Amino acid sequence: MDSSSPKLPLVWSMDKAKAGAADDAIARFERLFHEHWSRVYGALFRVVGDPAEAEDLALETFLRLYLRPP
């Protein structure tokens, strides 16, 4: 496998019409996710050297940020 960033997981593509009152927070998180995915994945890939492991770690990083925003 190569070190190129995998496609963004589909789980982050959501129907904004169904998001309800959380639209703004979700939209901000989606924007943050899309803007930083490649850099986070790339940094983790350089550390672990395994594309699947780097993807798992990147997803966990964003999940933690989503669950406990600053």
PDB file of N, CA and C in Angstrom:
ATOM      1  N   MET A   1       0.839  -1.184   0.000  1.00  0.00           N
ATOM      2  CA  MET A   1       0.000   0.000   0.000  1.00  0.00           C
ATOM      3  C   MET A   1       0.881   1.244   0.000  1.00  0.00           C
ATOM      4  N   ASP A   2       0.371   2.322  -0.552  1.00  0.00           N
ATOM      5  CA  ASP A   2       1.144   3.552  -0.568  1.00  0.00           C
ATOM      6  C   ASP A   2       0.687   4.473   0.562  1.00  0.00           C
ATOM      7  N   SER A   3       1.381   5.583   0.697  1.00  0.00           N
ATOM      8  CA  SER A   3       1.096   6.497   1.800  1.00  0.00           C
ATOM      9  C   SER A   3       0.055   7.550   1.442  1.00  0.00           C
ATOM     10  N   SER A   4      -0.542   7.462   0.250  1.00  0.00           N
ATOM     11  CA  SER A   4      -1.525   8.471  -0.121  1.00  0.00           C
ATOM     12  C   SER A   4      -2.741   8.365   0.790  1.00  0.00           C
ATOM     13  N   SER A   5      -3.306   9.506   1.077  1.00  0.00           N
ATOM     14  CA  SER A   5      -4.434   9.568   1.998  1.00  0.00           C
ATOM     15  C   SER A   5      -5.641   8.833   1.421  1.00  0.00           C
ATOM     16  N   PRO A   6      -6.273   7.958   2.212  1.00  0.00           N
ATOM     17  CA  PRO A   6      -7.456   7.267   1.723  1.00  0.00           C
ATOM     18  C   PRO A   6      -8.612   8.249   1.577  1.00  0.00           C
ATOM     19  N   LYS A   7      -9.620   7.841   0.834  1.00  0.00           N
ATOM     20  CA  LYS A   7     -10.795   8.692   0.690  1.00  0.00           C
ATOM     21  C   LYS A   7     -11.433   8.898   2.054  1.00  0.00           C
ATOM     22  N   LEU A   8     -12.065  10.044   2.213  1.00  0.00           N
ATOM     23  CA  LEU A   8     -12.720  10.335   3.475  1.00  0.00           C
ATOM     24  C   LEU A   8     -13.840   9.337   3.724  1.00  0.00           C
ATOM     25  N   PRO A   9     -13.951   8.857   4.951  1.00  0.00           N
ATOM     26  CA  PRO A   9     -15.020   7.911   5.266  1.00  0.00           C
ATOM     27  C   PRO A   9     -16.391   8.521   5.011  1.00  0.00           C
ATOM     28  N   LEU A  10     -17.300   7.722   4.481  1.00  0.00           N
ATOM     29  CA  LEU A  10     -18.637   8.198   4.154  1.00  0.00           C
ATOM     30  C   LEU A  10     -19.433   8.598   5.384  1.00  0.00           C
ATOM     31  N   VAL A  11     -19.040   8.097   6.538  1.00  0.00           N
ATOM     32  CA  VAL A  11     -19.788   8.395   7.753  1.00  0.00           C
ATOM     33  C   VAL A  11     -19.870   9.895   8.018  1.00  0.00           C
ATOM     34  N   TRP A  12     -18.916  10.670   7.502  1.00  0.00           N
ATOM     35  CA  TRP A  12     -18.922  12.108   7.759  1.00  0.00           C
ATOM     36  C   TRP A  12     -19.762  12.878   6.754  1.00  0.00           C
ATOM     37  N   SER A  13     -20.256  12.209   5.709  1.00  0.00           N
ATOM     38  CA  SER A  13     -21.144  12.875   4.767  1.00  0.00           C
ATOM     39  C   SER A  13     -22.567  12.697   5.286  1.00  0.00           C
ATOM     40  N   MET A  14     -23.194  13.753   5.692  1.00  0.00           N
ATOM     41  CA  MET A  14     -24.521  13.609   6.269  1.00  0.00           C
ATOM     42  C   MET A  14     -25.512  14.548   5.623  1.00  0.00           C
ATOM     43  N   ASP A  15     -26.752  14.210   5.749  1.00  0.00           N
ATOM     44  CA  ASP A  15     -27.839  15.008   5.210  1.00  0.00           C
ATOM     45  C   ASP A  15     -28.121  16.156   6.173  1.00  0.00           C
ATOM     46  N   LYS A  16     -27.763  17.362   5.768  1.00  0.00           N
ATOM     47  CA  LYS A  16     -27.906  18.526   6.638  1.00  0.00           C
ATOM     48  C   LYS A  16     -29.364  18.790   7.028  1.00  0.00           C
ATOM     49  N   ALA A  17     -30.297  18.441   6.158  1.00  0.00           N
ATOM     50  CA  ALA A  17     -31.703  18.690   6.450  1.00  0.00           C
ATOM     51  C   ALA A  17     -32.186  17.892   7.656  1.00  0.00           C
ATOM     52  N   LYS A  18     -31.568  16.763   7.923  1.00  0.00           N
ATOM     53  CA  LYS A  18     -31.981  15.906   9.029  1.00  0.00           C
ATOM     54  C   LYS A  18     -31.200  16.186  10.306  1.00  0.00           C
ATOM     55  N   ALA A  19     -30.249  17.066  10.264  1.00  0.00           N
ATOM     56  CA  ALA A  19     -29.383  17.300  11.413  1.00  0.00           C
ATOM     57  C   ALA A  19     -30.069  18.103  12.514  1.00  0.00           C
ATOM     58  N   GLY A  20     -31.159  18.792  12.204  1.00  0.00           N
ATOM     59  CA  GLY A  20     -31.914  19.523  13.221  1.00  0.00           C
ATOM     60  C   GLY A  20     -31.134  20.673  13.824  1.00  0.00           C
ATOM     61  N   ALA A  21     -31.296  20.848  15.116  1.00  0.00           N
ATOM     62  CA  ALA A  21     -30.694  21.978  15.827  1.00  0.00           C
ATOM     63  C   ALA A  21     -29.176  21.905  15.876  1.00  0.00           C
ATOM     64  N   ALA A  22     -28.609  20.743  15.627  1.00  0.00           N
ATOM     65  CA  ALA A  22     -27.157  20.574  15.706  1.00  0.00           C
ATOM     66  C   ALA A  22     -26.451  20.933  14.400  1.00  0.00           C
ATOM     67  N   ASP A  23     -27.182  21.487  13.444  1.00  0.00           N
ATOM     68  CA  ASP A  23     -26.610  21.817  12.131  1.00  0.00           C
ATOM     69  C   ASP A  23     -25.298  22.585  12.207  1.00  0.00           C
ATOM     70  N   ASP A  24     -25.284  23.662  12.971  1.00  0.00           N
ATOM     71  CA  ASP A  24     -24.090  24.510  13.013  1.00  0.00           C
ATOM     72  C   ASP A  24     -22.880  23.774  13.569  1.00  0.00           C
ATOM     73  N   ALA A  25     -23.058  23.076  14.678  1.00  0.00           N
ATOM     74  CA  ALA A  25     -21.939  22.351  15.288  1.00  0.00           C
ATOM     75  C   ALA A  25     -21.451  21.243  14.372  1.00  0.00           C
ATOM     76  N   ILE A  26     -22.365  20.545  13.760  1.00  0.00           N
ATOM     77  CA  ILE A  26     -21.992  19.459  12.850  1.00  0.00           C
ATOM     78  C   ILE A  26     -21.284  20.020  11.628  1.00  0.00           C
ATOM     79  N   ALA A  27     -21.795  21.113  11.098  1.00  0.00           N
ATOM     80  CA  ALA A  27     -21.168  21.732   9.928  1.00  0.00           C
ATOM     81  C   ALA A  27     -19.751  22.193  10.258  1.00  0.00           C
ATOM     82  N   ARG A  28     -19.568  22.769  11.439  1.00  0.00           N
ATOM     83  CA  ARG A  28     -18.217  23.203  11.841  1.00  0.00           C
ATOM     84  C   ARG A  28     -17.281  22.008  11.975  1.00  0.00           C
ATOM     85  N   PHE A  29     -17.781  20.930  12.583  1.00  0.00           N
ATOM     86  CA  PHE A  29     -16.944  19.744  12.740  1.00  0.00           C
ATOM     87  C   PHE A  29     -16.616  19.132  11.381  1.00  0.00           C
ATOM     88  N   GLU A  30     -17.612  19.047  10.496  1.00  0.00           N
ATOM     89  CA  GLU A  30     -17.364  18.509   9.148  1.00  0.00           C
ATOM     90  C   GLU A  30     -16.299  19.313   8.428  1.00  0.00           C
ATOM     91  N   ARG A  31     -16.398  20.628   8.528  1.00  0.00           N
ATOM     92  CA  ARG A  31     -15.417  21.502   7.877  1.00  0.00           C
ATOM     93  C   ARG A  31     -14.023  21.248   8.453  1.00  0.00           C
ATOM     94  N   LEU A  32     -13.926  21.169   9.778  1.00  0.00           N
ATOM     95  CA  LEU A  32     -12.651  20.899  10.434  1.00  0.00           C
ATOM     96  C   LEU A  32     -12.100  19.547   9.981  1.00  0.00           C
ATOM     97  N   PHE A  33     -12.960  18.544   9.946  1.00  0.00           N
ATOM     98  CA  PHE A  33     -12.552  17.202   9.537  1.00  0.00           C
ATOM     99  C   PHE A  33     -11.984  17.216   8.118  1.00  0.00           C
ATOM    100  N   HIS A  34     -12.721  17.815   7.196  1.00  0.00           N
ATOM    101  CA  HIS A  34     -12.283  17.838   5.794  1.00  0.00           C
ATOM    102  C   HIS A  34     -11.015  18.669   5.597  1.00  0.00           C
ATOM    103  N   GLU A  35     -10.883  19.743   6.345  1.00  0.00           N
ATOM    104  CA  GLU A  35      -9.705  20.599   6.208  1.00  0.00           C
ATOM    105  C   GLU A  35      -8.438  19.955   6.767  1.00  0.00           C
ATOM    106  N   HIS A  36      -8.574  19.110   7.772  1.00  0.00           N
ATOM    107  CA  HIS A  36      -7.395  18.598   8.468  1.00  0.00           C
ATOM    108  C   HIS A  36      -7.138  17.108   8.300  1.00  0.00           C
ATOM    109  N   TRP A  37      -8.056  16.394   7.652  1.00  0.00           N
ATOM    110  CA  TRP A  37      -7.909  14.936   7.507  1.00  0.00           C
ATOM    111  C   TRP A  37      -6.557  14.546   6.916  1.00  0.00           C
ATOM    112  N   SER A  38      -6.192  15.126   5.787  1.00  0.00           N
ATOM    113  CA  SER A  38      -4.958  14.729   5.094  1.00  0.00           C
ATOM    114  C   SER A  38      -3.720  14.954   5.953  1.00  0.00           C
ATOM    115  N   ARG A  39      -3.683  16.083   6.652  1.00  0.00           N
ATOM    116  CA  ARG A  39      -2.512  16.370   7.492  1.00  0.00           C
ATOM    117  C   ARG A  39      -2.426  15.430   8.689  1.00  0.00           C
ATOM    118  N   VAL A  40      -3.559  15.179   9.323  1.00  0.00           N
ATOM    119  CA  VAL A  40      -3.558  14.280  10.482  1.00  0.00           C
ATOM    120  C   VAL A  40      -3.182  12.873  10.035  1.00  0.00           C
ATOM    121  N   TYR A  41      -3.818  12.400   8.960  1.00  0.00           N
ATOM    122  CA  TYR A  41      -3.511  11.065   8.440  1.00  0.00           C
ATOM    123  C   TYR A  41      -2.032  10.973   8.050  1.00  0.00           C
ATOM    124  N   GLY A  42      -1.535  11.976   7.327  1.00  0.00           N
ATOM    125  CA  GLY A  42      -0.144  11.959   6.867  1.00  0.00           C
ATOM    126  C   GLY A  42       0.849  11.917   8.015  1.00  0.00           C
ATOM    127  N   ALA A  43       0.594  12.718   9.045  1.00  0.00           N
ATOM    128  CA  ALA A  43       1.490  12.726  10.205  1.00  0.00           C
ATOM    129  C   ALA A  43       1.484  11.366  10.893  1.00  0.00           C
ATOM    130  N   LEU A  44       0.300  10.789  11.050  1.00  0.00           N
ATOM    131  CA  LEU A  44       0.212   9.483  11.703  1.00  0.00           C
ATOM    132  C   LEU A  44       0.825   8.387  10.840  1.00  0.00           C
ATOM    133  N   PHE A  45       0.679   8.480   9.528  1.00  0.00           N
ATOM    134  CA  PHE A  45       1.291   7.487   8.645  1.00  0.00           C
ATOM    135  C   PHE A  45       2.812   7.514   8.786  1.00  0.00           C
ATOM    136  N   ARG A  46       3.370   8.732   8.875  1.00  0.00           N
ATOM    137  CA  ARG A  46       4.823   8.839   9.031  1.00  0.00           C
ATOM    138  C   ARG A  46       5.284   8.218  10.350  1.00  0.00           C
ATOM    139  N   VAL A  47       4.449   8.270  11.362  1.00  0.00           N
ATOM    140  CA  VAL A  47       4.814   7.698  12.663  1.00  0.00           C
ATOM    141  C   VAL A  47       4.679   6.184  12.661  1.00  0.00           C
ATOM    142  N   VAL A  48       3.536   5.657  12.162  1.00  0.00           N
ATOM    143  CA  VAL A  48       3.286   4.212  12.270  1.00  0.00           C
ATOM    144  C   VAL A  48       3.681   3.424  11.028  1.00  0.00           C
ATOM    145  N   GLY A  49       3.728   4.073   9.856  1.00  0.00           N
ATOM    146  CA  GLY A  49       4.157   3.401   8.631  1.00  0.00           C
ATOM    147  C   GLY A  49       3.168   2.409   8.037  1.00  0.00           C
ATOM    148  N   ASP A  50       1.960   2.359   8.559  1.00  0.00           N
ATOM    149  CA  ASP A  50       0.945   1.420   8.070  1.00  0.00           C
ATOM    150  C   ASP A  50      -0.323   2.209   7.739  1.00  0.00           C
ATOM    151  N   PRO A  51      -0.770   2.186   6.479  1.00  0.00           N
ATOM    152  CA  PRO A  51      -1.934   2.980   6.082  1.00  0.00           C
ATOM    153  C   PRO A  51      -3.198   2.679   6.889  1.00  0.00           C
ATOM    154  N   ALA A  52      -3.478   1.420   7.127  1.00  0.00           N
ATOM    155  CA  ALA A  52      -4.696   1.063   7.869  1.00  0.00           C
ATOM    156  C   ALA A  52      -4.619   1.553   9.312  1.00  0.00           C
ATOM    157  N   GLU A  53      -3.469   1.383   9.923  1.00  0.00           N
ATOM    158  CA  GLU A  53      -3.287   1.838  11.309  1.00  0.00           C
ATOM    159  C   GLU A  53      -3.365   3.361  11.384  1.00  0.00           C
ATOM    160  N   ALA A  54      -2.769   4.042  10.418  1.00  0.00           N
ATOM    161  CA  ALA A  54      -2.821   5.506  10.391  1.00  0.00           C
ATOM    162  C   ALA A  54      -4.257   5.989  10.231  1.00  0.00           C
ATOM    163  N   GLU A  55      -5.030   5.320   9.384  1.00  0.00           N
ATOM    164  CA  GLU A  55      -6.432   5.697   9.199  1.00  0.00           C
ATOM    165  C   GLU A  55      -7.223   5.482  10.492  1.00  0.00           C
ATOM    166  N   ASP A  56      -7.021   4.346  11.141  1.00  0.00           N
ATOM    167  CA  ASP A  56      -7.708   4.074  12.411  1.00  0.00           C
ATOM    168  C   ASP A  56      -7.371   5.138  13.455  1.00  0.00           C
ATOM    169  N   LEU A  57      -6.093   5.468  13.563  1.00  0.00           N
ATOM    170  CA  LEU A  57      -5.669   6.467  14.544  1.00  0.00           C
ATOM    171  C   LEU A  57      -6.221   7.853  14.212  1.00  0.00           C
ATOM    172  N   ALA A  58      -6.254   8.196  12.934  1.00  0.00           N
ATOM    173  CA  ALA A  58      -6.801   9.492  12.532  1.00  0.00           C
ATOM    174  C   ALA A  58      -8.292   9.566  12.862  1.00  0.00           C
ATOM    175  N   LEU A  59      -9.017   8.491  12.560  1.00  0.00           N
ATOM    176  CA  LEU A  59     -10.446   8.475  12.885  1.00  0.00           C
ATOM    177  C   LEU A  59     -10.667   8.578  14.390  1.00  0.00           C
ATOM    178  N   GLU A  60      -9.851   7.894  15.164  1.00  0.00           N
ATOM    179  CA  GLU A  60      -9.977   7.977  16.619  1.00  0.00           C
ATOM    180  C   GLU A  60      -9.679   9.385  17.111  1.00  0.00           C
ATOM    181  N   THR A  61      -8.710  10.033  16.504  1.00  0.00           N
ATOM    182  CA  THR A  61      -8.380  11.409  16.867  1.00  0.00           C
ATOM    183  C   THR A  61      -9.579  12.322  16.662  1.00  0.00           C
ATOM    184  N   PHE A  62     -10.211  12.214  15.489  1.00  0.00           N
ATOM    185  CA  PHE A  62     -11.369  13.059  15.208  1.00  0.00           C
ATOM    186  C   PHE A  62     -12.572  12.673  16.064  1.00  0.00           C
ATOM    187  N   LEU A  63     -12.735  11.402  16.358  1.00  0.00           N
ATOM    188  CA  LEU A  63     -13.829  10.973  17.226  1.00  0.00           C
ATOM    189  C   LEU A  63     -13.676  11.591  18.614  1.00  0.00           C
ATOM    190  N   ARG A  64     -12.462  11.564  19.143  1.00  0.00           N
ATOM    191  CA  ARG A  64     -12.226  12.168  20.465  1.00  0.00           C
ATOM    192  C   ARG A  64     -12.508  13.666  20.439  1.00  0.00           C
ATOM    193  N   LEU A  65     -12.114  14.324  19.366  1.00  0.00           N
ATOM    194  CA  LEU A  65     -12.379  15.753  19.234  1.00  0.00           C
ATOM    195  C   LEU A  65     -13.880  16.013  19.162  1.00  0.00           C
ATOM    196  N   TYR A  66     -14.603  15.165  18.447  1.00  0.00           N
ATOM    197  CA  TYR A  66     -16.052  15.320  18.313  1.00  0.00           C
ATOM    198  C   TYR A  66     -16.743  15.123  19.665  1.00  0.00           C
ATOM    199  N   LEU A  67     -16.304  14.112  20.413  1.00  0.00           N
ATOM    200  CA  LEU A  67     -16.940  13.801  21.694  1.00  0.00           C
ATOM    201  C   LEU A  67     -16.584  14.796  22.796  1.00  0.00           C
ATOM    202  N   ARG A  68     -15.381  15.379  22.702  1.00  0.00           N
ATOM    203  CA  ARG A  68     -14.930  16.346  23.712  1.00  0.00           C
ATOM    204  C   ARG A  68     -14.305  17.554  23.034  1.00  0.00           C
ATOM    205  N   PRO A  69     -15.141  18.411  22.467  1.00  0.00           N
ATOM    206  CA  PRO A  69     -14.578  19.586  21.785  1.00  0.00           C
ATOM    207  C   PRO A  69     -13.875  20.508  22.780  1.00  0.00           C
ATOM    208  N   PRO A  70     -12.901  21.266  22.284  1.00  0.00           N
ATOM    209  CA  PRO A  70     -12.174  22.186  23.180  1.00  0.00           C
ATOM    210  C   PRO A  70     -13.071  23.290  23.710  1.00  0.00           C
TER     211      PRO A  70
END
